[in-house]
Each structure stands twice: as C-alpha cells, then as structure tokens.
PDB file of all heavy atoms in Angstrom:
ATOM      1  N   ALA A   1       0.793  -1.258  -0.065  1.00  0.00           N
ATOM      2  CA  ALA A   1       0.024  -0.037   0.043  1.00  0.00           C
ATOM      3  C   ALA A   1       0.862   1.252  -0.144  1.00  0.00           C
ATOM      4  O   ALA A   1       0.460   2.365  -0.486  1.00  0.00           O
ATOM      5  CB  ALA A   1      -0.936  -0.013   1.192  1.00  0.00           C
ATOM      6  N   GLU A   2       2.048   1.193   0.506  1.00  0.00           N
ATOM      7  CA  GLU A   2       2.929   2.320   0.626  1.00  0.00           C
ATOM      8  C   GLU A   2       3.860   2.337  -0.528  1.00  0.00           C
ATOM      9  O   GLU A   2       4.903   3.259  -0.508  1.00  0.00           O
ATOM     10  CB  GLU A   2       3.630   2.362   1.998  1.00  0.00           C
ATOM     11  CG  GLU A   2       2.696   2.417   3.170  1.00  0.00           C
ATOM     12  CD  GLU A   2       3.567   2.493   4.403  1.00  0.00           C
ATOM     13  OE1 GLU A   2       4.080   3.668   4.724  1.00  0.00           O
ATOM     14  OE2 GLU A   2       3.615   1.475   5.133  1.00  0.00           O
ATOM     15  N   GLY A   3       3.834   1.486  -1.516  1.00  0.00           N
ATOM     16  CA  GLY A   3       4.821   1.439  -2.540  1.00  0.00           C
ATOM     17  C   GLY A   3       5.733   0.185  -2.618  1.00  0.00           C
ATOM     18  O   GLY A   3       5.493  -0.704  -1.869  1.00  0.00           O
ATOM     19  N   LYS A   4       6.668   0.275  -3.417  1.00  0.00           N
ATOM     20  CA  LYS A   4       7.566  -0.911  -3.642  1.00  0.00           C
ATOM     21  C   LYS A   4       8.477  -1.013  -2.415  1.00  0.00           C
ATOM     22  O   LYS A   4       8.795   0.014  -1.806  1.00  0.00           O
ATOM     23  CB  LYS A   4       8.370  -0.717  -4.888  1.00  0.00           C
ATOM     24  CG  LYS A   4       7.561  -0.978  -6.170  1.00  0.00           C
ATOM     25  CD  LYS A   4       8.442  -1.041  -7.338  1.00  0.00           C
ATOM     26  CE  LYS A   4       7.726  -1.328  -8.687  1.00  0.00           C
ATOM     27  NZ  LYS A   4       6.930  -2.569  -8.631  1.00  0.00           N
ATOM     28  N   ASP A   5       8.902  -2.286  -2.187  1.00  0.00           N
ATOM     29  CA  ASP A   5       9.599  -2.561  -0.989  1.00  0.00           C
ATOM     30  C   ASP A   5      10.410  -3.852  -1.319  1.00  0.00           C
ATOM     31  O   ASP A   5      10.187  -4.408  -2.370  1.00  0.00           O
ATOM     32  CB  ASP A   5       8.846  -2.718   0.298  1.00  0.00           C
ATOM     33  CG  ASP A   5       9.719  -2.487   1.468  1.00  0.00           C
ATOM     34  OD1 ASP A   5      10.977  -2.551   1.451  1.00  0.00           O
ATOM     35  OD2 ASP A   5       9.007  -2.334   2.607  1.00  0.00           O
ATOM     36  N   LEU A   6      11.309  -4.192  -0.510  1.00  0.00           N
ATOM     37  CA  LEU A   6      12.166  -5.413  -0.668  1.00  0.00           C
ATOM     38  C   LEU A   6      11.854  -6.278   0.584  1.00  0.00           C
ATOM     39  O   LEU A   6      12.098  -5.858   1.708  1.00  0.00           O
ATOM     40  CB  LEU A   6      13.591  -5.151  -0.822  1.00  0.00           C
ATOM     41  CG  LEU A   6      14.059  -4.244  -2.049  1.00  0.00           C
ATOM     42  CD1 LEU A   6      15.508  -3.949  -1.925  1.00  0.00           C
ATOM     43  CD2 LEU A   6      13.710  -4.874  -3.323  1.00  0.00           C
ATOM     44  N   SER A   7      11.497  -7.587   0.435  1.00  0.00           N
ATOM     45  CA  SER A   7      11.319  -8.453   1.520  1.00  0.00           C
ATOM     46  C   SER A   7      12.612  -9.051   1.803  1.00  0.00           C
ATOM     47  O   SER A   7      13.483  -9.432   0.788  1.00  0.00           O
ATOM     48  CB  SER A   7      10.293  -9.567   1.295  1.00  0.00           C
ATOM     49  OG  SER A   7      10.589 -10.364   0.087  1.00  0.00           O
ATOM     50  N   ILE A   8      13.015  -9.334   3.095  1.00  0.00           N
ATOM     51  CA  ILE A   8      14.277  -9.898   3.429  1.00  0.00           C
ATOM     52  C   ILE A   8      13.905 -11.195   4.285  1.00  0.00           C
ATOM     53  O   ILE A   8      13.311 -11.104   5.349  1.00  0.00           O
ATOM     54  CB  ILE A   8      15.121  -8.938   4.319  1.00  0.00           C
ATOM     55  CG1 ILE A   8      15.300  -7.614   3.582  1.00  0.00           C
ATOM     56  CG2 ILE A   8      16.512  -9.580   4.643  1.00  0.00           C
ATOM     57  CD1 ILE A   8      15.783  -6.599   4.597  1.00  0.00           C
ATOM     58  N   SER A   9      14.166 -12.377   3.774  1.00  0.00           N
ATOM     59  CA  SER A   9      13.828 -13.604   4.446  1.00  0.00           C
ATOM     60  C   SER A   9      14.553 -13.808   5.818  1.00  0.00           C
ATOM     61  O   SER A   9      15.618 -13.334   5.846  1.00  0.00           O
ATOM     62  CB  SER A   9      13.874 -14.766   3.538  1.00  0.00           C
ATOM     63  OG  SER A   9      15.349 -15.058   3.384  1.00  0.00           O
ATOM     64  N   PRO A  10      13.823 -14.301   6.784  1.00  0.00           N
ATOM     65  CA  PRO A  10      14.361 -14.609   8.076  1.00  0.00           C
ATOM     66  C   PRO A  10      15.633 -15.708   7.936  1.00  0.00           C
ATOM     67  O   PRO A  10      15.483 -16.482   6.976  1.00  0.00           O
ATOM     68  CB  PRO A  10      13.420 -15.120   8.889  1.00  0.00           C
ATOM     69  CG  PRO A  10      12.387 -15.562   8.069  1.00  0.00           C
ATOM     70  CD  PRO A  10      12.489 -14.830   6.766  1.00  0.00           C
ATOM     71  N   GLY A  11      16.505 -15.812   8.751  1.00  0.00           N
ATOM     72  CA  GLY A  11      17.560 -16.767   8.824  1.00  0.00           C
ATOM     73  C   GLY A  11      18.978 -16.145   9.140  1.00  0.00           C
ATOM     74  O   GLY A  11      19.034 -15.070   9.630  1.00  0.00           O
ATOM     75  N   ARG A  12      20.004 -16.936   8.767  1.00  0.00           N
ATOM     76  CA  ARG A  12      21.401 -16.646   9.131  1.00  0.00           C
ATOM     77  C   ARG A  12      22.071 -16.417   7.738  1.00  0.00           C
ATOM     78  O   ARG A  12      21.898 -17.004   6.748  1.00  0.00           O
ATOM     79  CB  ARG A  12      22.016 -17.638  10.023  1.00  0.00           C
ATOM     80  CG  ARG A  12      21.286 -17.749  11.377  1.00  0.00           C
ATOM     81  CD  ARG A  12      22.138 -18.755  12.241  1.00  0.00           C
ATOM     82  NE  ARG A  12      22.140 -20.137  11.642  1.00  0.00           N
ATOM     83  CZ  ARG A  12      21.099 -21.020  11.795  1.00  0.00           C
ATOM     84  NH1 ARG A  12      20.074 -20.631  12.491  1.00  0.00           N
ATOM     85  NH2 ARG A  12      21.240 -22.146  11.330  1.00  0.00           N
ATOM     86  N   TYR A  13      23.185 -15.509   7.900  1.00  0.00           N
ATOM     87  CA  TYR A  13      24.130 -15.294   6.844  1.00  0.00           C
ATOM     88  C   TYR A  13      25.494 -14.905   7.453  1.00  0.00           C
ATOM     89  O   TYR A  13      25.485 -14.226   8.614  1.00  0.00           O
ATOM     90  CB  TYR A  13      23.670 -14.220   5.866  1.00  0.00           C
ATOM     91  CG  TYR A  13      24.146 -14.423   4.470  1.00  0.00           C
ATOM     92  CD1 TYR A  13      23.735 -15.407   3.691  1.00  0.00           C
ATOM     93  CD2 TYR A  13      24.950 -13.459   3.971  1.00  0.00           C
ATOM     94  CE1 TYR A  13      24.166 -15.551   2.409  1.00  0.00           C
ATOM     95  CE2 TYR A  13      25.518 -13.480   2.593  1.00  0.00           C
ATOM     96  CZ  TYR A  13      25.100 -14.671   1.858  1.00  0.00           C
ATOM     97  OH  TYR A  13      25.552 -14.718   0.617  1.00  0.00           O
ATOM     98  N   TYR A  14      26.591 -15.284   6.864  1.00  0.00           N
ATOM     99  CA  TYR A  14      27.836 -14.945   7.266  1.00  0.00           C
ATOM    100  C   TYR A  14      28.617 -14.105   6.279  1.00  0.00           C
ATOM    101  O   TYR A  14      28.585 -14.335   5.078  1.00  0.00           O
ATOM    102  CB  TYR A  14      28.644 -16.289   7.509  1.00  0.00           C
ATOM    103  CG  TYR A  14      28.215 -17.142   8.691  1.00  0.00           C
ATOM    104  CD1 TYR A  14      27.128 -18.080   8.370  1.00  0.00           C
ATOM    105  CD2 TYR A  14      28.698 -17.083   9.965  1.00  0.00           C
ATOM    106  CE1 TYR A  14      26.743 -18.814   9.436  1.00  0.00           C
ATOM    107  CE2 TYR A  14      28.269 -17.788  10.962  1.00  0.00           C
ATOM    108  CZ  TYR A  14      27.298 -18.807  10.640  1.00  0.00           C
ATOM    109  OH  TYR A  14      26.765 -19.622  11.633  1.00  0.00           O
ATOM    110  N   VAL A  15      29.221 -12.976   6.825  1.00  0.00           N
ATOM    111  CA  VAL A  15      29.951 -12.038   6.029  1.00  0.00           C
ATOM    112  C   VAL A  15      31.368 -11.902   6.657  1.00  0.00           C
ATOM    113  O   VAL A  15      31.532 -11.419   7.818  1.00  0.00           O
ATOM    114  CB  VAL A  15      29.247 -10.714   5.914  1.00  0.00           C
ATOM    115  CG1 VAL A  15      30.016  -9.769   5.064  1.00  0.00           C
ATOM    116  CG2 VAL A  15      27.851 -10.904   5.355  1.00  0.00           C
ATOM    117  N   ASP A  16      32.319 -12.447   5.950  1.00  0.00           N
ATOM    118  CA  ASP A  16      33.850 -12.470   6.496  1.00  0.00           C
ATOM    119  C   ASP A  16      33.894 -13.040   7.865  1.00  0.00           C
ATOM    120  O   ASP A  16      34.527 -12.736   8.695  1.00  0.00           O
ATOM    121  CB  ASP A  16      34.388 -11.008   6.559  1.00  0.00           C
ATOM    122  CG  ASP A  16      34.551 -10.342   5.190  1.00  0.00           C
ATOM    123  OD1 ASP A  16      34.660 -11.035   4.266  1.00  0.00           O
ATOM    124  OD2 ASP A  16      34.782  -9.231   5.153  1.00  0.00           O
ATOM    125  N   GLY A  17      32.982 -14.160   7.961  1.00  0.00           N
ATOM    126  CA  GLY A  17      32.865 -14.889   9.164  1.00  0.00           C
ATOM    127  C   GLY A  17      32.017 -14.391  10.265  1.00  0.00           C
ATOM    128  O   GLY A  17      31.902 -14.942  11.320  1.00  0.00           O
ATOM    129  N   ILE A  18      31.414 -13.249  10.047  1.00  0.00           N
ATOM    130  CA  ILE A  18      30.590 -12.513  11.077  1.00  0.00           C
ATOM    131  C   ILE A  18      29.103 -13.042  10.881  1.00  0.00           C
ATOM    132  O   ILE A  18      28.583 -12.934   9.825  1.00  0.00           O
ATOM    133  CB  ILE A  18      30.617 -10.986  10.927  1.00  0.00           C
ATOM    134  CG1 ILE A  18      32.099 -10.485  11.099  1.00  0.00           C
ATOM    135  CG2 ILE A  18      29.735 -10.342  11.969  1.00  0.00           C
ATOM    136  CD1 ILE A  18      32.342  -9.093  10.713  1.00  0.00           C
ATOM    137  N   LEU A  19      28.584 -13.501  11.964  1.00  0.00           N
ATOM    138  CA  LEU A  19      27.129 -14.013  11.920  1.00  0.00           C
ATOM    139  C   LEU A  19      26.209 -12.876  11.926  1.00  0.00           C
ATOM    140  O   LEU A  19      26.168 -12.011  12.751  1.00  0.00           O
ATOM    141  CB  LEU A  19      26.986 -14.939  13.138  1.00  0.00           C
ATOM    142  CG  LEU A  19      25.476 -15.340  13.387  1.00  0.00           C
ATOM    143  CD1 LEU A  19      25.003 -16.227  12.158  1.00  0.00           C
ATOM    144  CD2 LEU A  19      25.400 -16.230  14.665  1.00  0.00           C
ATOM    145  N   CYS A  20      25.250 -12.913  10.839  1.00  0.00           N
ATOM    146  CA  CYS A  20      24.244 -11.976  10.825  1.00  0.00           C
ATOM    147  C   CYS A  20      22.929 -12.766  10.967  1.00  0.00           C
ATOM    148  O   CYS A  20      22.756 -13.783  10.302  1.00  0.00           O
ATOM    149  CB  CYS A  20      24.253 -11.168   9.499  1.00  0.00           C
ATOM    150  SG  CYS A  20      25.714 -10.368   9.112  1.00  0.00           S
ATOM    151  N   GLU A  21      22.032 -12.392  11.851  1.00  0.00           N
ATOM    152  CA  GLU A  21      20.738 -13.025  12.138  1.00  0.00           C
ATOM    153  C   GLU A  21      19.625 -12.086  11.916  1.00  0.00           C
ATOM    154  O   GLU A  21      19.536 -11.060  12.534  1.00  0.00           O
ATOM    155  CB  GLU A  21      20.837 -13.642  13.597  1.00  0.00           C
ATOM    156  CG  GLU A  21      21.935 -14.595  13.889  1.00  0.00           C
ATOM    157  CD  GLU A  21      21.863 -15.087  15.274  1.00  0.00           C
ATOM    158  OE1 GLU A  21      22.237 -14.280  16.178  1.00  0.00           O
ATOM    159  OE2 GLU A  21      21.424 -16.263  15.482  1.00  0.00           O
ATOM    160  N   ASN A  22      18.779 -12.612  10.974  1.00  0.00           N
ATOM    161  CA  ASN A  22      17.462 -11.953  10.786  1.00  0.00           C
ATOM    162  C   ASN A  22      16.467 -12.889  11.525  1.00  0.00           C
ATOM    163  O   ASN A  22      16.134 -13.968  10.963  1.00  0.00           O
ATOM    164  CB  ASN A  22      17.142 -11.855   9.324  1.00  0.00           C
ATOM    165  CG  ASN A  22      15.866 -11.105   9.060  1.00  0.00           C
ATOM    166  OD1 ASN A  22      15.296 -10.401   9.985  1.00  0.00           O
ATOM    167  ND2 ASN A  22      15.405 -11.108   7.891  1.00  0.00           N
ATOM    168  N   GLU A  23      16.210 -12.555  12.731  1.00  0.00           N
ATOM    169  CA  GLU A  23      15.447 -13.508  13.614  1.00  0.00           C
ATOM    170  C   GLU A  23      14.319 -14.203  12.922  1.00  0.00           C
ATOM    171  O   GLU A  23      13.453 -13.581  12.388  1.00  0.00           O
ATOM    172  CB  GLU A  23      15.045 -12.770  14.941  1.00  0.00           C
ATOM    173  CG  GLU A  23      16.202 -12.663  15.905  1.00  0.00           C
ATOM    174  CD  GLU A  23      17.163 -11.530  15.609  1.00  0.00           C
ATOM    175  OE1 GLU A  23      16.853 -10.803  14.666  1.00  0.00           O
ATOM    176  OE2 GLU A  23      18.254 -11.612  16.141  1.00  0.00           O
ATOM    177  N   VAL A  24      14.358 -15.515  13.085  1.00  0.00           N
ATOM    178  CA  VAL A  24      13.182 -16.358  12.698  1.00  0.00           C
ATOM    179  C   VAL A  24      11.917 -16.124  13.518  1.00  0.00           C
ATOM    180  O   VAL A  24      10.836 -16.180  13.070  1.00  0.00           O
ATOM    181  CB  VAL A  24      13.700 -17.847  12.607  1.00  0.00           C
ATOM    182  CG1 VAL A  24      12.420 -18.784  12.125  1.00  0.00           C
ATOM    183  CG2 VAL A  24      14.761 -18.021  11.629  1.00  0.00           C
ATOM    184  N   ALA A  25      12.245 -15.914  14.743  1.00  0.00           N
ATOM    185  CA  ALA A  25      11.174 -15.620  15.694  1.00  0.00           C
ATOM    186  C   ALA A  25      10.007 -16.688  15.719  1.00  0.00           C
ATOM    187  O   ALA A  25       8.867 -16.269  15.396  1.00  0.00           O
ATOM    188  CB  ALA A  25      10.579 -14.215  15.487  1.00  0.00           C
ATOM    189  N   LEU A  26      10.392 -17.883  15.956  1.00  0.00           N
ATOM    190  CA  LEU A  26       9.391 -18.906  16.038  1.00  0.00           C
ATOM    191  C   LEU A  26       8.299 -18.676  17.017  1.00  0.00           C
ATOM    192  O   LEU A  26       8.503 -18.395  18.176  1.00  0.00           O
ATOM    193  CB  LEU A  26      10.033 -20.164  16.222  1.00  0.00           C
ATOM    194  CG  LEU A  26      11.085 -20.739  15.082  1.00  0.00           C
ATOM    195  CD1 LEU A  26      11.595 -22.000  15.542  1.00  0.00           C
ATOM    196  CD2 LEU A  26      10.295 -20.908  13.730  1.00  0.00           C
ATOM    197  N   GLN A  27       7.078 -18.779  16.621  1.00  0.00           N
ATOM    198  CA  GLN A  27       6.008 -18.528  17.628  1.00  0.00           C
ATOM    199  C   GLN A  27       5.202 -19.779  17.632  1.00  0.00           C
ATOM    200  O   GLN A  27       4.904 -20.530  16.751  1.00  0.00           O
ATOM    201  CB  GLN A  27       5.049 -17.339  17.020  1.00  0.00           C
ATOM    202  CG  GLN A  27       5.863 -16.035  16.713  1.00  0.00           C
ATOM    203  CD  GLN A  27       5.024 -15.141  15.896  1.00  0.00           C
ATOM    204  OE1 GLN A  27       4.038 -15.346  15.496  1.00  0.00           O
ATOM    205  NE2 GLN A  27       5.519 -13.900  15.802  1.00  0.00           N
ATOM    206  N   GLU A  28       4.637 -19.954  18.902  1.00  0.00           N
ATOM    207  CA  GLU A  28       3.843 -21.145  19.163  1.00  0.00           C
ATOM    208  C   GLU A  28       2.378 -20.978  18.574  1.00  0.00           C
ATOM    209  O   GLU A  28       1.750 -20.032  18.879  1.00  0.00           O
ATOM    210  CB  GLU A  28       3.735 -21.369  20.692  1.00  0.00           C
ATOM    211  CG  GLU A  28       5.118 -21.926  21.273  1.00  0.00           C
ATOM    212  CD  GLU A  28       4.902 -22.190  22.785  1.00  0.00           C
ATOM    213  OE1 GLU A  28       3.654 -22.434  23.186  1.00  0.00           O
ATOM    214  OE2 GLU A  28       5.941 -22.421  23.441  1.00  0.00           O
ATOM    215  N   ASN A  29       2.090 -22.027  17.806  1.00  0.00           N
ATOM    216  CA  ASN A  29       0.674 -21.989  17.254  1.00  0.00           C
ATOM    217  C   ASN A  29       0.172 -23.415  17.388  1.00  0.00           C
ATOM    218  O   ASN A  29       0.206 -24.261  16.607  1.00  0.00           O
ATOM    219  CB  ASN A  29       0.731 -21.671  15.784  1.00  0.00           C
ATOM    220  CG  ASN A  29      -0.653 -21.608  15.104  1.00  0.00           C
ATOM    221  OD1 ASN A  29      -1.706 -21.510  15.831  1.00  0.00           O
ATOM    222  ND2 ASN A  29      -0.624 -21.540  13.755  1.00  0.00           N
ATOM    223  N   GLY A  30      -0.436 -23.548  18.681  1.00  0.00           N
ATOM    224  CA  GLY A  30      -0.745 -24.917  19.035  1.00  0.00           C
ATOM    225  C   GLY A  30       0.429 -25.794  19.277  1.00  0.00           C
ATOM    226  O   GLY A  30       1.347 -25.364  19.971  1.00  0.00           O
ATOM    227  N   LEU A  31       0.586 -26.898  18.503  1.00  0.00           N
ATOM    228  CA  LEU A  31       1.843 -27.707  18.500  1.00  0.00           C
ATOM    229  C   LEU A  31       2.786 -27.414  17.497  1.00  0.00           C
ATOM    230  O   LEU A  31       3.844 -28.062  17.338  1.00  0.00           O
ATOM    231  CB  LEU A  31       1.408 -29.224  18.418  1.00  0.00           C
ATOM    232  CG  LEU A  31       0.454 -29.584  19.648  1.00  0.00           C
ATOM    233  CD1 LEU A  31       0.054 -31.099  19.362  1.00  0.00           C
ATOM    234  CD2 LEU A  31       1.091 -29.530  20.951  1.00  0.00           C
ATOM    235  N   GLU A  32       2.447 -26.362  16.682  1.00  0.00           N
ATOM    236  CA  GLU A  32       3.308 -26.246  15.453  1.00  0.00           C
ATOM    237  C   GLU A  32       4.095 -24.865  15.754  1.00  0.00           C
ATOM    238  O   GLU A  32       3.574 -23.882  16.252  1.00  0.00           O
ATOM    239  CB  GLU A  32       2.427 -25.974  14.230  1.00  0.00           C
ATOM    240  CG  GLU A  32       3.231 -25.834  13.017  1.00  0.00           C
ATOM    241  CD  GLU A  32       2.384 -25.731  11.785  1.00  0.00           C
ATOM    242  OE1 GLU A  32       1.118 -25.742  11.898  1.00  0.00           O
ATOM    243  OE2 GLU A  32       2.926 -25.662  10.689  1.00  0.00           O
ATOM    244  N   LEU A  33       5.272 -24.825  15.298  1.00  0.00           N
ATOM    245  CA  LEU A  33       6.154 -23.553  15.284  1.00  0.00           C
ATOM    246  C   LEU A  33       6.060 -22.948  13.900  1.00  0.00           C
ATOM    247  O   LEU A  33       6.499 -23.545  13.029  1.00  0.00           O
ATOM    248  CB  LEU A  33       7.576 -23.920  15.779  1.00  0.00           C
ATOM    249  CG  LEU A  33       7.715 -24.384  17.193  1.00  0.00           C
ATOM    250  CD1 LEU A  33       9.140 -24.672  17.480  1.00  0.00           C
ATOM    251  CD2 LEU A  33       7.184 -23.411  18.178  1.00  0.00           C
ATOM    252  N   VAL A  34       5.599 -21.768  13.839  1.00  0.00           N
ATOM    253  CA  VAL A  34       5.379 -20.989  12.566  1.00  0.00           C
ATOM    254  C   VAL A  34       6.472 -19.989  12.465  1.00  0.00           C
ATOM    255  O   VAL A  34       6.576 -19.168  13.233  1.00  0.00           O
ATOM    256  CB  VAL A  34       4.071 -20.333  12.397  1.00  0.00           C
ATOM    257  CG1 VAL A  34       3.815 -19.697  11.217  1.00  0.00           C
ATOM    258  CG2 VAL A  34       2.912 -21.384  12.701  1.00  0.00           C
ATOM    259  N   PRO A  35       7.353 -20.040  11.425  1.00  0.00           N
ATOM    260  CA  PRO A  35       8.386 -19.017  11.269  1.00  0.00           C
ATOM    261  C   PRO A  35       7.829 -17.780  10.930  1.00  0.00           C
ATOM    262  O   PRO A  35       6.870 -17.599  10.276  1.00  0.00           O
ATOM    263  CB  PRO A  35       9.230 -19.654  10.094  1.00  0.00           C
ATOM    264  CG  PRO A  35       8.242 -20.459   9.356  1.00  0.00           C
ATOM    265  CD  PRO A  35       7.319 -21.090  10.372  1.00  0.00           C
ATOM    266  N   HIS A  36       8.602 -16.730  11.534  1.00  0.00           N
ATOM    267  CA  HIS A  36       8.214 -15.383  11.188  1.00  0.00           C
ATOM    268  C   HIS A  36       8.433 -15.028   9.739  1.00  0.00           C
ATOM    269  O   HIS A  36       9.431 -15.735   9.085  1.00  0.00           O
ATOM    270  CB  HIS A  36       9.016 -14.466  12.155  1.00  0.00           C
ATOM    271  CG  HIS A  36       8.522 -13.038  12.120  1.00  0.00           C
ATOM    272  ND1 HIS A  36       9.077 -11.988  11.374  1.00  0.00           N
ATOM    273  CD2 HIS A  36       7.646 -12.395  12.772  1.00  0.00           C
ATOM    274  CE1 HIS A  36       8.509 -10.814  11.521  1.00  0.00           C
ATOM    275  NE2 HIS A  36       7.653 -11.059  12.474  1.00  0.00           N
ATOM    276  N   SER A  37       7.797 -14.112   9.053  1.00  0.00           N
ATOM    277  CA  SER A  37       8.068 -13.716   7.749  1.00  0.00           C
ATOM    278  C   SER A  37       9.307 -12.866   7.458  1.00  0.00           C
ATOM    279  O   SER A  37       9.390 -12.563   6.352  1.00  0.00           O
ATOM    280  CB  SER A  37       6.844 -13.048   7.155  1.00  0.00           C
ATOM    281  OG  SER A  37       6.542 -11.818   7.824  1.00  0.00           O
ATOM    282  N   GLY A  38       9.938 -12.583   8.532  1.00  0.00           N
ATOM    283  CA  GLY A  38      11.221 -11.688   8.326  1.00  0.00           C
ATOM    284  C   GLY A  38      10.933 -10.284   8.343  1.00  0.00           C
ATOM    285  O   GLY A  38      10.050  -9.767   9.073  1.00  0.00           O
ATOM    286  N   CYS A  39      11.658  -9.476   7.637  1.00  0.00           N
ATOM    287  CA  CYS A  39      11.323  -8.095   7.546  1.00  0.00           C
ATOM    288  C   CYS A  39      11.546  -7.500   6.119  1.00  0.00           C
ATOM    289  O   CYS A  39      11.812  -8.339   5.164  1.00  0.00           O
ATOM    290  CB  CYS A  39      12.342  -7.299   8.544  1.00  0.00           C
ATOM    291  SG  CYS A  39      14.030  -7.568   8.099  1.00  0.00           S
ATOM    292  N   THR A  40      11.362  -6.209   5.979  1.00  0.00           N
ATOM    293  CA  THR A  40      11.618  -5.758   4.650  1.00  0.00           C
ATOM    294  C   THR A  40      12.677  -4.586   4.645  1.00  0.00           C
ATOM    295  O   THR A  40      13.170  -4.263   5.757  1.00  0.00           O
ATOM    296  CB  THR A  40      10.285  -4.989   4.174  1.00  0.00           C
ATOM    297  OG1 THR A  40      10.077  -3.801   4.949  1.00  0.00           O
ATOM    298  CG2 THR A  40       9.108  -5.922   4.323  1.00  0.00           C
ATOM    299  N   TYR A  41      13.028  -4.039   3.588  1.00  0.00           N
ATOM    300  CA  TYR A  41      14.044  -2.985   3.345  1.00  0.00           C
ATOM    301  C   TYR A  41      13.693  -1.835   4.366  1.00  0.00           C
ATOM    302  O   TYR A  41      14.497  -1.322   5.065  1.00  0.00           O
ATOM    303  CB  TYR A  41      14.114  -2.549   2.023  1.00  0.00           C
ATOM    304  CG  TYR A  41      15.144  -1.480   1.753  1.00  0.00           C
ATOM    305  CD1 TYR A  41      16.451  -1.646   1.859  1.00  0.00           C
ATOM    306  CD2 TYR A  41      14.646  -0.190   1.414  1.00  0.00           C
ATOM    307  CE1 TYR A  41      17.317  -0.599   1.630  1.00  0.00           C
ATOM    308  CE2 TYR A  41      15.461   0.955   1.172  1.00  0.00           C
ATOM    309  CZ  TYR A  41      16.875   0.646   1.177  1.00  0.00           C
ATOM    310  OH  TYR A  41      17.781   1.709   1.060  1.00  0.00           O
ATOM    311  N   PHE A  42      12.417  -1.396   4.368  1.00  0.00           N
ATOM    312  CA  PHE A  42      12.002  -0.235   5.148  1.00  0.00           C
ATOM    313  C   PHE A  42      11.724  -0.526   6.579  1.00  0.00           C
ATOM    314  O   PHE A  42      11.444   0.226   7.372  1.00  0.00           O
ATOM    315  CB  PHE A  42      10.782   0.454   4.518  1.00  0.00           C
ATOM    316  CG  PHE A  42      11.189   1.083   3.212  1.00  0.00           C
ATOM    317  CD1 PHE A  42      10.855   0.723   1.986  1.00  0.00           C
ATOM    318  CD2 PHE A  42      11.859   2.401   3.235  1.00  0.00           C
ATOM    319  CE1 PHE A  42      11.128   1.383   0.862  1.00  0.00           C
ATOM    320  CE2 PHE A  42      12.302   2.975   2.104  1.00  0.00           C
ATOM    321  CZ  PHE A  42      11.797   2.521   0.933  1.00  0.00           C
ATOM    322  N   THR A  43      11.693  -1.823   6.952  1.00  0.00           N
ATOM    323  CA  THR A  43      11.329  -2.203   8.394  1.00  0.00           C
ATOM    324  C   THR A  43      12.523  -2.895   9.146  1.00  0.00           C
ATOM    325  O   THR A  43      12.252  -3.406  10.227  1.00  0.00           O
ATOM    326  CB  THR A  43      10.060  -3.068   8.414  1.00  0.00           C
ATOM    327  OG1 THR A  43      10.277  -4.305   7.752  1.00  0.00           O
ATOM    328  CG2 THR A  43       8.944  -2.341   7.839  1.00  0.00           C
ATOM    329  N   GLN A  44      13.757  -2.989   8.451  1.00  0.00           N
ATOM    330  CA  GLN A  44      14.813  -3.699   9.094  1.00  0.00           C
ATOM    331  C   GLN A  44      15.182  -2.819  10.320  1.00  0.00           C
ATOM    332  O   GLN A  44      15.166  -1.656  10.375  1.00  0.00           O
ATOM    333  CB  GLN A  44      15.897  -3.711   8.178  1.00  0.00           C
ATOM    334  CG  GLN A  44      16.417  -2.479   7.487  1.00  0.00           C
ATOM    335  CD  GLN A  44      17.544  -2.711   6.423  1.00  0.00           C
ATOM    336  OE1 GLN A  44      18.516  -3.401   6.777  1.00  0.00           O
ATOM    337  NE2 GLN A  44      17.378  -2.191   5.237  1.00  0.00           N
TER     338      GLN A  44
END
C-alpha cells in the first residue's frame, strides 16, 4: 500500500565470518512452530 519494497527472508548469513541473524522468531501456534516472515528493506 505504501509502494515498492524489498522483503528480506529470516535466517542466518555470514559475512567475512561474522554471523548476521534476521531472527526467525518462531511463535507457538498450537503444537506447530510457525516461522516469522522476516522483515523488509524499510522495516529492518
């Protein structure tokens, strides 16, 4: 609704050996753990 954006998937990435974490933020949904959708360029 606010225009074009870039989605950034949750997970881990290493840059020159440095750990970067875009938190998966697993949430309890009954007995199932549902991964978070990550963030976007404008909401990082």
